[in-house]
Amino acid sequence: MTEANIATNQDICLAMLRDNDRDRYLACLLSPEDKRGSLAALYAFNAELARVRDLVHEPLPGEVRMQYWRDLLEGSAHGSTAANPVASALLTAIETYHLPRKTLIDMIEARTFDLYDDPMETRLSLEGYAGETASALIQLASLVLSPEEAARSADAAGHAGVAQAVAGLLLLMPLHRRRGQVYIPLQILSATGLDRDAFLAGEDRQRISAAVEAFAGLGREHLAKARAAGPIAHSVFPAFLPATLADPVLSKAQKRGVLLFDRPLQPPQWRRQLRMAISAARRKI
């Protein structure tokens, strides 16, 4: 593939992020210019997996879409990958930075959970899901930015990813509830006197608030561990920028509880951009 084609595919990935994931788009812009294209490919791949549930009404078509990405990463793709700019850009990033394909395949496997309405069973299940999605994405981005420093920040990446995933699930909780999806572990629901059906019914607002607060507390616990893991090198910090947006969401969720179903938790775009820019300058999650 020519350099012009590679650049075009990467530009398409950046444009997709600008339209569908503004936070990671900004994270790319705050990264070294020579790394932006590969980061955009990783983030666009993540966005493709995340939106599968939005595009299908039944799990089977979603499984088919997931299988496409599995086949691509396992080297058994059908047809030309050149027709899919995200796939082409992803393969280029993998080859350029020697990214582990198994980590990407594990991300697909974890995202398959999103296609179904099975509840998250335990805290450990949730942490595993977050580890193979958000945490893995931070670590992969770190490998693109600086392979030497990526290993040193692996612990911080693991915890920051869980915090980021919990914040993201809190933001999407009203949508998930309408669909019948429950990402708060049943273990937490049970501790607050709820089960899946009672949570979805939404009638016991006091207990639902307690469950939301406990779930947000889990995110804050991991955020504290990420901050305690030690300083993150300047070279890999751009990989952590999306995770810097977790703290205000987690704090607001703990205060609002069940009210998050009535009022959105998401801060305005300008505030998120400002927070990321300040975090980039200070190198603090």
C-alpha atoms as a PDB file:
ATOM      1  CA  MET A   1       0.000   0.000   0.000  1.00  0.00           C
ATOM      2  CA  THR A   2       1.357   3.424  -0.937  1.00  0.00           C
ATOM      3  CA  GLU A   3       2.047   6.132   1.627  1.00  0.00           C
ATOM      4  CA  ALA A   4      -0.713   8.215   0.048  1.00  0.00           C
ATOM      5  CA  ASN A   5      -3.254   5.418   0.598  1.00  0.00           C
ATOM      6  CA  ILE A   6      -2.104   4.945   4.180  1.00  0.00           C
ATOM      7  CA  ALA A   7      -2.452   8.661   4.874  1.00  0.00           C
ATOM      8  CA  THR A   8      -5.894   8.735   3.265  1.00  0.00           C
ATOM      9  CA  ASN A   9      -7.137   5.832   5.403  1.00  0.00           C
ATOM     10  CA  GLN A  10      -5.802   7.470   8.533  1.00  0.00           C
ATOM     11  CA  ASP A  11      -7.460  10.755   7.605  1.00  0.00           C
ATOM     12  CA  ILE A  12     -10.759   8.903   7.168  1.00  0.00           C
ATOM     13  CA  CYS A  13     -10.347   7.401  10.642  1.00  0.00           C
ATOM     14  CA  LEU A  14      -9.723  10.852  12.094  1.00  0.00           C
ATOM     15  CA  ALA A  15     -12.814  12.184  10.338  1.00  0.00           C
ATOM     16  CA  MET A  16     -14.881   9.311  11.745  1.00  0.00           C
ATOM     17  CA  LEU A  17     -13.692  10.144  15.246  1.00  0.00           C
ATOM     18  CA  ARG A  18     -14.453  13.820  14.739  1.00  0.00           C
ATOM     19  CA  ASP A  19     -18.039  12.857  13.960  1.00  0.00           C
ATOM     20  CA  ASN A  20     -18.538   9.983  16.411  1.00  0.00           C
ATOM     21  CA  ASP A  21     -15.978  10.216  19.236  1.00  0.00           C
ATOM     22  CA  ARG A  22     -14.907  13.813  19.766  1.00  0.00           C
ATOM     23  CA  ASP A  23     -13.004  13.065  22.955  1.00  0.00           C
ATOM     24  CA  ARG A  24     -10.661  10.557  21.329  1.00  0.00           C
ATOM     25  CA  TYR A  25     -10.447  12.796  18.258  1.00  0.00           C
ATOM     26  CA  LEU A  26      -9.088  15.549  20.499  1.00  0.00           C
ATOM     27  CA  ALA A  27      -6.746  13.043  22.159  1.00  0.00           C
ATOM     28  CA  CYS A  28      -5.314  12.333  18.699  1.00  0.00           C
ATOM     29  CA  LEU A  29      -4.810  16.042  18.045  1.00  0.00           C
ATOM     30  CA  LEU A  30      -2.991  16.364  21.371  1.00  0.00           C
ATOM     31  CA  SER A  31      -0.652  13.516  20.377  1.00  0.00           C
ATOM     32  CA  PRO A  32       2.554  13.752  18.293  1.00  0.00           C
ATOM     33  CA  GLU A  33       1.665  14.329  14.661  1.00  0.00           C
ATOM     34  CA  ASP A  34       3.483  11.232  13.410  1.00  0.00           C
ATOM     35  CA  LYS A  35       1.439   9.022  15.777  1.00  0.00           C
ATOM     36  CA  ARG A  36      -2.023  10.468  15.118  1.00  0.00           C
ATOM     37  CA  GLY A  37      -2.900   8.271  12.172  1.00  0.00           C
ATOM     38  CA  SER A  38      -2.218   5.012  13.990  1.00  0.00           C
ATOM     39  CA  LEU A  39      -3.967   6.192  17.134  1.00  0.00           C
ATOM     40  CA  ALA A  40      -6.949   7.204  15.015  1.00  0.00           C
ATOM     41  CA  ALA A  41      -7.013   3.710  13.486  1.00  0.00           C
ATOM     42  CA  LEU A  42      -7.101   2.096  16.937  1.00  0.00           C
ATOM     43  CA  TYR A  43      -9.789   4.448  18.194  1.00  0.00           C
ATOM     44  CA  ALA A  44     -11.868   4.064  15.027  1.00  0.00           C
ATOM     45  CA  PHE A  45     -11.683   0.278  15.423  1.00  0.00           C
ATOM     46  CA  ASN A  46     -12.882   0.663  19.008  1.00  0.00           C
ATOM     47  CA  ALA A  47     -15.718   2.917  17.829  1.00  0.00           C
ATOM     48  CA  GLU A  48     -16.743   0.344  15.228  1.00  0.00           C
ATOM     49  CA  LEU A  49     -17.032  -2.350  17.902  1.00  0.00           C
ATOM     50  CA  ALA A  50     -18.838  -0.051  20.329  1.00  0.00           C
ATOM     51  CA  ARG A  51     -21.545   0.893  17.840  1.00  0.00           C
ATOM     52  CA  VAL A  52     -22.437  -2.604  16.644  1.00  0.00           C
ATOM     53  CA  ARG A  53     -25.312  -2.863  19.146  1.00  0.00           C
ATOM     54  CA  ASP A  54     -26.673   0.438  17.798  1.00  0.00           C
ATOM     55  CA  LEU A  55     -26.737  -0.925  14.254  1.00  0.00           C
ATOM     56  CA  VAL A  56     -28.474  -4.263  14.805  1.00  0.00           C
ATOM     57  CA  HIS A  57     -31.758  -5.363  16.340  1.00  0.00           C
ATOM     58  CA  GLU A  58     -30.764  -8.973  17.002  1.00  0.00           C
ATOM     59  CA  PRO A  59     -27.530 -10.522  18.323  1.00  0.00           C
ATOM     60  CA  LEU A  60     -26.869 -12.683  15.229  1.00  0.00           C
ATOM     61  CA  PRO A  61     -26.208  -9.790  12.796  1.00  0.00           C
ATOM     62  CA  GLY A  62     -23.988  -8.297  15.481  1.00  0.00           C
ATOM     63  CA  GLU A  63     -22.066 -11.556  15.762  1.00  0.00           C
ATOM     64  CA  VAL A  64     -21.532 -11.449  11.994  1.00  0.00           C
ATOM     65  CA  ARG A  65     -20.057  -7.965  12.234  1.00  0.00           C
ATOM     66  CA  MET A  66     -17.806  -9.033  15.078  1.00  0.00           C
ATOM     67  CA  GLN A  67     -16.689 -12.076  13.080  1.00  0.00           C
ATOM     68  CA  TYR A  68     -15.558  -9.794  10.262  1.00  0.00           C
ATOM     69  CA  TRP A  69     -13.051  -8.174  12.605  1.00  0.00           C
ATOM     70  CA  ARG A  70     -11.955 -11.523  14.043  1.00  0.00           C
ATOM     71  CA  ASP A  71     -11.292 -12.845  10.541  1.00  0.00           C
ATOM     72  CA  LEU A  72      -9.369  -9.697   9.671  1.00  0.00           C
ATOM     73  CA  LEU A  73      -7.076  -9.998  12.683  1.00  0.00           C
ATOM     74  CA  GLU A  74      -6.638 -13.736  12.276  1.00  0.00           C
ATOM     75  CA  GLY A  75      -5.621 -13.290   8.641  1.00  0.00           C
ATOM     76  CA  SER A  76      -8.646 -14.997   7.121  1.00  0.00           C
ATOM     77  CA  ALA A  77     -10.592 -11.951   5.925  1.00  0.00           C
ATOM     78  CA  HIS A  78     -12.858 -12.436   2.929  1.00  0.00           C
ATOM     79  CA  GLY A  79     -12.388  -9.987   0.075  1.00  0.00           C
ATOM     80  CA  SER A  80     -10.113  -6.954  -0.040  1.00  0.00           C
ATOM     81  CA  THR A  81      -9.489  -4.994   3.138  1.00  0.00           C
ATOM     82  CA  ALA A  82      -8.634  -1.998   0.961  1.00  0.00           C
ATOM     83  CA  ALA A  83     -12.363  -1.299   0.684  1.00  0.00           C
ATOM     84  CA  ASN A  84     -12.553  -0.687   4.435  1.00  0.00           C
ATOM     85  CA  PRO A  85     -10.317   2.241   5.453  1.00  0.00           C
ATOM     86  CA  VAL A  86     -10.569   1.441   9.166  1.00  0.00           C
ATOM     87  CA  ALA A  87      -9.505  -2.169   8.573  1.00  0.00           C
ATOM     88  CA  SER A  88      -6.632  -1.080   6.326  1.00  0.00           C
ATOM     89  CA  ALA A  89      -5.450   1.579   8.753  1.00  0.00           C
ATOM     90  CA  LEU A  90      -5.676  -0.853  11.671  1.00  0.00           C
ATOM     91  CA  LEU A  91      -3.553  -3.467   9.901  1.00  0.00           C
ATOM     92  CA  THR A  92      -0.994  -0.790   9.043  1.00  0.00           C
ATOM     93  CA  ALA A  93      -0.808   0.273  12.703  1.00  0.00           C
ATOM     94  CA  ILE A  94      -0.429  -3.348  13.812  1.00  0.00           C
ATOM     95  CA  GLU A  95       2.453  -3.915  11.389  1.00  0.00           C
ATOM     96  CA  THR A  96       4.164  -0.596  12.080  1.00  0.00           C
ATOM     97  CA  TYR A  97       4.115  -0.845  15.869  1.00  0.00           C
ATOM     98  CA  HIS A  98       4.009  -4.641  16.292  1.00  0.00           C
ATOM     99  CA  LEU A  99       0.738  -4.476  18.191  1.00  0.00           C
ATOM    100  CA  PRO A 100      -0.472  -7.771  19.703  1.00  0.00           C
ATOM    101  CA  ARG A 101      -3.347  -9.111  17.646  1.00  0.00           C
ATOM    102  CA  LYS A 102      -4.554 -11.272  20.523  1.00  0.00           C
ATOM    103  CA  THR A 103      -5.278  -8.163  22.590  1.00  0.00           C
ATOM    104  CA  LEU A 104      -7.431  -6.816  19.766  1.00  0.00           C
ATOM    105  CA  ILE A 105      -9.212 -10.155  19.349  1.00  0.00           C
ATOM    106  CA  ASP A 106      -9.852 -10.266  23.101  1.00  0.00           C
ATOM    107  CA  MET A 107     -11.390  -6.806  22.757  1.00  0.00           C
ATOM    108  CA  ILE A 108     -13.802  -8.187  20.167  1.00  0.00           C
ATOM    109  CA  GLU A 109     -14.686 -11.112  22.429  1.00  0.00           C
ATOM    110  CA  ALA A 110     -15.380  -8.783  25.356  1.00  0.00           C
ATOM    111  CA  ARG A 111     -17.540  -6.513  23.201  1.00  0.00           C
ATOM    112  CA  THR A 112     -19.694  -9.468  22.194  1.00  0.00           C
ATOM    113  CA  PHE A 113     -21.254  -9.128  25.655  1.00  0.00           C
ATOM    114  CA  ASP A 114     -22.824  -5.863  24.447  1.00  0.00           C
ATOM    115  CA  LEU A 115     -24.946  -7.711  21.879  1.00  0.00           C
ATOM    116  CA  TYR A 116     -26.972  -9.506  24.526  1.00  0.00           C
ATOM    117  CA  ASP A 117     -29.059  -8.493  27.532  1.00  0.00           C
ATOM    118  CA  ASP A 118     -27.352 -10.779  30.019  1.00  0.00           C
ATOM    119  CA  PRO A 119     -26.521  -8.883  33.218  1.00  0.00           C
ATOM    120  CA  MET A 120     -22.982  -8.366  34.441  1.00  0.00           C
ATOM    121  CA  GLU A 121     -22.663 -10.921  37.222  1.00  0.00           C
ATOM    122  CA  THR A 122     -19.845  -9.794  39.497  1.00  0.00           C
ATOM    123  CA  ARG A 123     -17.444  -6.965  40.127  1.00  0.00           C
ATOM    124  CA  LEU A 124     -14.690  -9.217  38.792  1.00  0.00           C
ATOM    125  CA  SER A 125     -16.659  -9.736  35.558  1.00  0.00           C
ATOM    126  CA  LEU A 126     -17.009  -5.985  35.123  1.00  0.00           C
ATOM    127  CA  GLU A 127     -13.308  -5.411  35.775  1.00  0.00           C
ATOM    128  CA  GLY A 128     -12.453  -8.110  33.237  1.00  0.00           C
ATOM    129  CA  TYR A 129     -14.731  -6.529  30.643  1.00  0.00           C
ATOM    130  CA  ALA A 130     -13.196  -3.104  31.252  1.00  0.00           C
ATOM    131  CA  GLY A 131      -9.696  -4.535  31.234  1.00  0.00           C
ATOM    132  CA  GLU A 132     -10.142  -6.107  27.805  1.00  0.00           C
ATOM    133  CA  THR A 133     -11.765  -2.991  26.333  1.00  0.00           C
ATOM    134  CA  ALA A 134     -10.881   0.418  27.807  1.00  0.00           C
ATOM    135  CA  SER A 135      -7.677  -0.649  29.600  1.00  0.00           C
ATOM    136  CA  ALA A 136      -6.442  -2.575  26.576  1.00  0.00           C
ATOM    137  CA  LEU A 137      -7.062   0.425  24.345  1.00  0.00           C
ATOM    138  CA  ILE A 138      -4.953   2.654  26.605  1.00  0.00           C
ATOM    139  CA  GLN A 139      -2.159   0.090  26.592  1.00  0.00           C
ATOM    140  CA  LEU A 140      -2.288  -0.342  22.796  1.00  0.00           C
ATOM    141  CA  ALA A 141      -2.185   3.425  22.318  1.00  0.00           C
ATOM    142  CA  SER A 142       0.793   3.533  24.702  1.00  0.00           C
ATOM    143  CA  LEU A 143       2.600   0.992  22.521  1.00  0.00           C
ATOM    144  CA  VAL A 144       2.093   3.260  19.535  1.00  0.00           C
ATOM    145  CA  LEU A 145       3.364   6.299  21.422  1.00  0.00           C
ATOM    146  CA  SER A 146       6.364   4.702  23.132  1.00  0.00           C
ATOM    147  CA  PRO A 147       6.942   0.935  23.361  1.00  0.00           C
ATOM    148  CA  GLU A 148       9.675   1.524  25.926  1.00  0.00           C
ATOM    149  CA  GLU A 149       7.441   3.430  28.331  1.00  0.00           C
ATOM    150  CA  ALA A 150       4.248   1.441  27.707  1.00  0.00           C
ATOM    151  CA  ALA A 151       5.260  -1.403  30.020  1.00  0.00           C
ATOM    152  CA  ARG A 152       6.060   1.027  32.846  1.00  0.00           C
ATOM    153  CA  SER A 153       2.543   2.474  32.730  1.00  0.00           C
ATOM    154  CA  ALA A 154       0.703  -0.841  32.376  1.00  0.00           C
ATOM    155  CA  ASP A 155      -0.624  -0.810  35.958  1.00  0.00           C
ATOM    156  CA  ALA A 156      -1.903   2.744  35.607  1.00  0.00           C
ATOM    157  CA  ALA A 157      -3.471   1.830  32.256  1.00  0.00           C
ATOM    158  CA  GLY A 158      -5.300  -1.104  33.805  1.00  0.00           C
ATOM    159  CA  HIS A 159      -6.893   0.921  36.586  1.00  0.00           C
ATOM    160  CA  ALA A 160      -7.512   4.028  34.465  1.00  0.00           C
ATOM    161  CA  GLY A 161      -9.323   1.890  31.911  1.00  0.00           C
ATOM    162  CA  VAL A 162     -11.680   0.461  34.530  1.00  0.00           C
ATOM    163  CA  ALA A 163     -12.444   3.969  35.820  1.00  0.00           C
ATOM    164  CA  GLN A 164     -13.039   5.172  32.272  1.00  0.00           C
ATOM    165  CA  ALA A 165     -15.271   2.194  31.466  1.00  0.00           C
ATOM    166  CA  VAL A 166     -17.402   2.712  34.580  1.00  0.00           C
ATOM    167  CA  ALA A 167     -17.797   6.404  33.725  1.00  0.00           C
ATOM    168  CA  GLY A 168     -18.788   5.510  30.177  1.00  0.00           C
ATOM    169  CA  LEU A 169     -21.341   2.980  31.382  1.00  0.00           C
ATOM    170  CA  LEU A 170     -22.822   5.571  33.733  1.00  0.00           C
ATOM    171  CA  LEU A 171     -23.182   7.995  30.827  1.00  0.00           C
ATOM    172  CA  LEU A 172     -24.943   5.310  28.789  1.00  0.00           C
ATOM    173  CA  MET A 173     -27.021   3.940  31.664  1.00  0.00           C
ATOM    174  CA  PRO A 174     -30.309   5.583  30.571  1.00  0.00           C
ATOM    175  CA  LEU A 175     -29.916   4.047  27.082  1.00  0.00           C
ATOM    176  CA  HIS A 176     -28.905   0.658  28.480  1.00  0.00           C
ATOM    177  CA  ARG A 177     -31.879   0.647  30.845  1.00  0.00           C
ATOM    178  CA  ARG A 178     -34.285   1.289  27.952  1.00  0.00           C
ATOM    179  CA  ARG A 179     -32.740  -1.676  26.152  1.00  0.00           C
ATOM    180  CA  GLY A 180     -32.901  -3.934  29.185  1.00  0.00           C
ATOM    181  CA  GLN A 181     -29.127  -4.038  29.649  1.00  0.00           C
ATOM    182  CA  VAL A 182     -27.610  -3.956  33.133  1.00  0.00           C
ATOM    183  CA  TYR A 183     -23.882  -3.324  33.529  1.00  0.00           C
ATOM    184  CA  ILE A 184     -23.946  -2.692  37.272  1.00  0.00           C
ATOM    185  CA  PRO A 185     -22.827  -6.087  38.596  1.00  0.00           C
ATOM    186  CA  LEU A 186     -25.585  -8.156  40.173  1.00  0.00           C
ATOM    187  CA  GLN A 187     -23.226  -8.453  43.123  1.00  0.00           C
ATOM    188  CA  ILE A 188     -23.623  -4.697  43.733  1.00  0.00           C
ATOM    189  CA  LEU A 189     -27.356  -4.748  43.051  1.00  0.00           C
ATOM    190  CA  SER A 190     -27.832  -7.572  45.528  1.00  0.00           C
ATOM    191  CA  ALA A 191     -25.875  -5.698  48.194  1.00  0.00           C
ATOM    192  CA  THR A 192     -28.308  -2.793  47.834  1.00  0.00           C
ATOM    193  CA  GLY A 193     -31.404  -5.020  47.951  1.00  0.00           C
ATOM    194  CA  LEU A 194     -32.080  -5.082  44.203  1.00  0.00           C
ATOM    195  CA  ASP A 195     -32.096  -7.598  41.398  1.00  0.00           C
ATOM    196  CA  ARG A 196     -31.988  -7.042  37.639  1.00  0.00           C
ATOM    197  CA  ASP A 197     -35.747  -6.680  37.217  1.00  0.00           C
ATOM    198  CA  ALA A 198     -36.124  -4.288  40.146  1.00  0.00           C
ATOM    199  CA  PHE A 199     -33.338  -2.098  38.805  1.00  0.00           C
ATOM    200  CA  LEU A 200     -34.881  -1.970  35.330  1.00  0.00           C
ATOM    201  CA  ALA A 201     -38.338  -1.244  36.778  1.00  0.00           C
ATOM    202  CA  GLY A 202     -36.895   1.883  38.364  1.00  0.00           C
ATOM    203  CA  GLU A 203     -39.456   2.099  41.166  1.00  0.00           C
ATOM    204  CA  ASP A 204     -37.222   1.737  44.222  1.00  0.00           C
ATOM    205  CA  ARG A 205     -35.358   4.987  43.670  1.00  0.00           C
ATOM    206  CA  GLN A 206     -33.566   4.948  47.010  1.00  0.00           C
ATOM    207  CA  ARG A 207     -31.981   1.553  46.427  1.00  0.00           C
ATOM    208  CA  ILE A 208     -31.208   2.389  42.790  1.00  0.00           C
ATOM    209  CA  SER A 209     -29.400   5.516  43.982  1.00  0.00           C
ATOM    210  CA  ALA A 210     -27.379   3.371  46.371  1.00  0.00           C
ATOM    211  CA  ALA A 211     -26.466   0.991  43.548  1.00  0.00           C
ATOM    212  CA  VAL A 212     -25.439   3.836  41.240  1.00  0.00           C
ATOM    213  CA  GLU A 213     -23.358   5.398  43.998  1.00  0.00           C
ATOM    214  CA  ALA A 214     -21.624   2.082  44.703  1.00  0.00           C
ATOM    215  CA  PHE A 215     -20.934   1.543  41.004  1.00  0.00           C
ATOM    216  CA  ALA A 216     -19.484   5.038  40.644  1.00  0.00           C
ATOM    217  CA  GLY A 217     -17.485   4.352  43.809  1.00  0.00           C
ATOM    218  CA  LEU A 218     -15.932   1.331  42.097  1.00  0.00           C
ATOM    219  CA  GLY A 219     -14.801   3.615  39.295  1.00  0.00           C
ATOM    220  CA  ARG A 220     -13.348   6.119  41.731  1.00  0.00           C
ATOM    221  CA  GLU A 221     -11.518   3.329  43.551  1.00  0.00           C
ATOM    222  CA  HIS A 222      -9.748   2.345  40.339  1.00  0.00           C
ATOM    223  CA  LEU A 223      -9.064   5.975  39.453  1.00  0.00           C
ATOM    224  CA  ALA A 224      -7.327   6.417  42.803  1.00  0.00           C
ATOM    225  CA  LYS A 225      -5.220   3.312  42.111  1.00  0.00           C
ATOM    226  CA  ALA A 226      -4.296   4.644  38.672  1.00  0.00           C
ATOM    227  CA  ARG A 227      -3.133   7.908  40.223  1.00  0.00           C
ATOM    228  CA  ALA A 228      -1.187   6.033  42.882  1.00  0.00           C
ATOM    229  CA  ALA A 229       0.587   3.867  40.311  1.00  0.00           C
ATOM    230  CA  GLY A 230       3.252   6.521  39.825  1.00  0.00           C
ATOM    231  CA  PRO A 231       4.020   9.232  37.282  1.00  0.00           C
ATOM    232  CA  ILE A 232       3.133   8.537  33.662  1.00  0.00           C
ATOM    233  CA  ALA A 233       5.825   9.371  31.118  1.00  0.00           C
ATOM    234  CA  HIS A 234       5.208  12.370  28.910  1.00  0.00           C
ATOM    235  CA  SER A 235       5.626  10.208  25.821  1.00  0.00           C
ATOM    236  CA  VAL A 236       2.658   7.935  26.621  1.00  0.00           C
ATOM    237  CA  PHE A 237       0.397  10.346  28.479  1.00  0.00           C
ATOM    238  CA  PRO A 238      -1.731  11.130  25.386  1.00  0.00           C
ATOM    239  CA  ALA A 239      -3.008   7.538  25.604  1.00  0.00           C
ATOM    240  CA  PHE A 240      -4.510   8.410  29.011  1.00  0.00           C
ATOM    241  CA  LEU A 241      -6.215  11.636  27.932  1.00  0.00           C
ATOM    242  CA  PRO A 242      -9.697  10.129  27.372  1.00  0.00           C
ATOM    243  CA  ALA A 243      -9.515   8.624  30.868  1.00  0.00           C
ATOM    244  CA  THR A 244      -8.969  12.075  32.394  1.00  0.00           C
ATOM    245  CA  LEU A 245     -12.660  12.755  31.692  1.00  0.00           C
ATOM    246  CA  ALA A 246     -13.823  10.006  34.070  1.00  0.00           C
ATOM    247  CA  ASP A 247     -13.469  11.865  37.381  1.00  0.00           C
ATOM    248  CA  PRO A 248     -16.211  14.505  36.941  1.00  0.00           C
ATOM    249  CA  VAL A 249     -18.648  11.897  35.634  1.00  0.00           C
ATOM    250  CA  LEU A 250     -17.996   9.551  38.551  1.00  0.00           C
ATOM    251  CA  SER A 251     -18.285  12.376  41.089  1.00  0.00           C
ATOM    252  CA  LYS A 252     -21.529  13.648  39.588  1.00  0.00           C
ATOM    253  CA  ALA A 253     -23.008  10.131  39.459  1.00  0.00           C
ATOM    254  CA  GLN A 254     -22.272   9.567  43.136  1.00  0.00           C
ATOM    255  CA  LYS A 255     -24.126  12.764  43.987  1.00  0.00           C
ATOM    256  CA  ARG A 256     -27.084  12.248  41.662  1.00  0.00           C
ATOM    257  CA  GLY A 257     -27.779   8.555  42.045  1.00  0.00           C
ATOM    258  CA  VAL A 258     -31.048   7.669  40.335  1.00  0.00           C
ATOM    259  CA  LEU A 259     -31.371  11.223  39.017  1.00  0.00           C
ATOM    260  CA  LEU A 260     -28.880  10.329  36.287  1.00  0.00           C
ATOM    261  CA  PHE A 261     -31.861   8.815  34.468  1.00  0.00           C
ATOM    262  CA  ASP A 262     -33.483  12.248  34.393  1.00  0.00           C
ATOM    263  CA  ARG A 263     -30.547  14.564  33.726  1.00  0.00           C
ATOM    264  CA  PRO A 264     -27.486  13.777  31.584  1.00  0.00           C
ATOM    265  CA  LEU A 265     -24.141  13.423  33.333  1.00  0.00           C
ATOM    266  CA  GLN A 266     -22.027  14.415  30.341  1.00  0.00           C
ATOM    267  CA  PRO A 267     -20.247  17.767  30.770  1.00  0.00           C
ATOM    268  CA  PRO A 268     -20.404  20.084  27.739  1.00  0.00           C
ATOM    269  CA  GLN A 269     -17.880  19.564  24.953  1.00  0.00           C
ATOM    270  CA  TRP A 270     -15.936  22.754  25.710  1.00  0.00           C
ATOM    271  CA  ARG A 271     -15.452  21.692  29.312  1.00  0.00           C
ATOM    272  CA  ARG A 272     -14.218  18.251  28.282  1.00  0.00           C
ATOM    273  CA  GLN A 273     -11.779  19.773  25.800  1.00  0.00           C
ATOM    274  CA  LEU A 274     -10.466  22.176  28.424  1.00  0.00           C
ATOM    275  CA  ARG A 275     -10.005  19.371  30.940  1.00  0.00           C
ATOM    276  CA  MET A 276      -8.059  17.266  28.457  1.00  0.00           C
ATOM    277  CA  ALA A 277      -5.835  20.187  27.473  1.00  0.00           C
ATOM    278  CA  ILE A 278      -5.067  20.992  31.121  1.00  0.00           C
ATOM    279  CA  SER A 279      -4.438  17.310  31.895  1.00  0.00           C
ATOM    280  CA  ALA A 280      -2.062  17.082  28.926  1.00  0.00           C
ATOM    281  CA  ALA A 281      -0.070  20.023  30.276  1.00  0.00           C
ATOM    282  CA  ARG A 282       0.004  18.719  33.864  1.00  0.00           C
ATOM    283  CA  ARG A 283       0.255  15.019  33.024  1.00  0.00           C
ATOM    284  CA  LYS A 284      -2.286  14.110  35.703  1.00  0.00           C
ATOM    285  CA  ILE A 285      -5.211  11.724  35.198  1.00  0.00           C
END
